[in-house]
Protein backbone atom coordinates (compact mmCIF):
# COMPACT_ATOMS: atom_id res chain seq x y z
CA UNK A 1 124.23 103.43 115.62
CA UNK A 2 122.28 101.33 118.63
CA UNK A 3 122.76 97.69 119.41
CA UNK A 4 120.47 95.91 121.59
CA UNK A 5 120.37 92.28 122.55
CA UNK A 6 117.15 90.51 123.09
CA UNK A 7 117.94 86.99 123.98
CA UNK A 8 119.61 85.14 120.77
CA UNK A 9 119.15 88.33 118.48
CA UNK A 10 121.17 91.23 118.08
CA UNK A 11 119.14 94.35 116.65
CA UNK A 12 121.73 97.41 115.17
CA UNK A 13 120.04 100.34 114.19
CA UNK A 14 121.41 103.78 113.24
CA UNK A 15 117.60 104.91 115.35
CA UNK A 16 116.45 105.02 118.01
CA UNK A 17 113.55 103.68 117.16
CA UNK A 18 113.18 100.95 114.28
CA UNK A 19 110.27 98.58 113.25
CA UNK A 20 112.60 95.47 114.11
CA UNK A 21 113.14 96.58 117.63
CA UNK A 22 109.90 97.66 118.44
CA UNK A 23 109.07 94.21 116.76
CA UNK A 24 110.87 92.11 119.36
CA UNK A 25 109.37 93.86 121.77
CA UNK A 26 106.49 93.53 120.71
CA UNK A 27 107.50 89.44 120.14
CA UNK A 28 108.86 89.14 123.28
CA UNK A 29 111.35 86.10 121.89
CA UNK A 30 112.69 85.80 125.56
CA UNK A 31 109.78 84.42 125.96
CA UNK A 32 108.85 80.94 125.48
CA UNK A 33 104.97 80.57 125.23
CA UNK A 34 103.79 79.34 122.14
CA UNK A 35 102.41 75.90 121.80
CA UNK A 36 104.46 74.06 120.17
CA UNK A 37 101.97 73.39 116.90
CA UNK A 38 102.36 77.04 116.56
CA UNK A 39 106.17 77.03 116.76
CA UNK A 40 106.88 74.40 114.05
CA UNK A 41 104.86 76.20 111.83
CA UNK A 42 106.80 78.99 112.18
CA UNK A 43 109.71 77.60 112.02
CA UNK A 44 108.23 76.80 107.90
CA UNK A 45 108.57 80.30 107.51
CA UNK A 46 110.98 80.99 104.38
CA UNK A 47 111.96 83.77 101.84
CA UNK A 48 110.64 81.36 98.55
CA UNK A 49 113.99 80.50 95.69
CA UNK A 50 112.69 83.79 93.80
CA UNK A 51 112.99 85.88 96.75
CA UNK A 52 116.81 84.20 97.16
CA UNK A 53 117.56 84.59 93.96
CA UNK A 54 117.00 88.54 94.45
CA UNK A 55 118.19 89.39 97.30
CA UNK A 56 121.49 87.96 95.85
CA UNK A 57 121.23 90.26 92.93
CA UNK A 58 120.50 92.76 95.19
CA UNK A 59 123.99 91.94 97.95
CA UNK A 60 126.07 91.69 94.78
CA UNK A 61 125.03 94.74 93.35
CA UNK A 62 125.86 96.37 96.74
CA UNK A 63 129.00 94.94 97.20
CA UNK A 64 129.56 97.04 94.19
CA UNK A 65 127.99 100.13 95.22
CA UNK A 66 125.32 100.40 92.38
CA UNK A 67 122.27 99.44 93.94
CA UNK A 68 119.40 102.17 92.81
CA UNK A 69 117.33 103.60 94.95
CA UNK A 70 114.67 101.11 94.55
CA UNK A 71 117.31 98.84 94.95
CA UNK A 72 118.03 100.29 98.29
CA UNK A 73 114.12 100.53 99.21
CA UNK A 74 113.88 96.92 98.22
CA UNK A 75 117.24 95.45 100.13
CA UNK A 76 115.70 96.97 103.56
CA UNK A 77 112.27 95.69 103.17
CA UNK A 78 113.82 92.06 103.40
CA UNK A 79 116.53 93.08 105.82
CA UNK A 80 112.63 94.04 107.56
CA UNK A 81 110.95 90.72 106.62
CA UNK A 82 114.15 88.38 107.31
CA UNK A 83 115.03 90.43 111.08
CA UNK A 84 110.87 89.15 111.60
CA UNK A 85 111.23 86.21 110.69
CA UNK A 86 114.68 85.82 112.61
CA UNK A 87 112.64 87.15 115.96
CA UNK A 88 110.12 84.80 114.97
CA UNK A 89 111.88 81.37 114.72
CA UNK A 90 114.07 82.55 118.24
CA UNK A 91 110.59 82.65 120.06
CA UNK A 92 109.31 79.45 117.91
CA UNK A 93 113.44 77.49 118.52
CA UNK A 94 113.17 78.73 122.80
CA UNK A 95 109.36 77.29 122.91
CA UNK A 96 110.07 73.69 121.45
CA UNK A 97 113.52 73.42 123.82
CA UNK A 98 110.99 74.73 126.31
CA UNK A 99 107.92 72.35 126.07
CA UNK A 100 110.50 69.54 125.46
CA UNK A 101 112.23 69.69 128.88
CA UNK A 102 108.63 70.11 130.56
């Protein structure tokens, strides 16, 4: 397992190259260079209620060790999207903080 700290985001991977680490390098969350309007909009991005409910269901099945292969793949998809949102929102928060201090 590899742990990479990128700003305030810690990405844990079982391989040396994963999508989250690549996206984090591309997005560069440590560089607060988003315009305030864009940053504020990114902070609004979230899963809808049906996705939150599905993630909760999958998490419960995972705790019981009862995920099917399709559900495991679905869980991994939610994890990737969640990681992407985390990186984007980190950059957005830093950008807004940077603009507020100028």
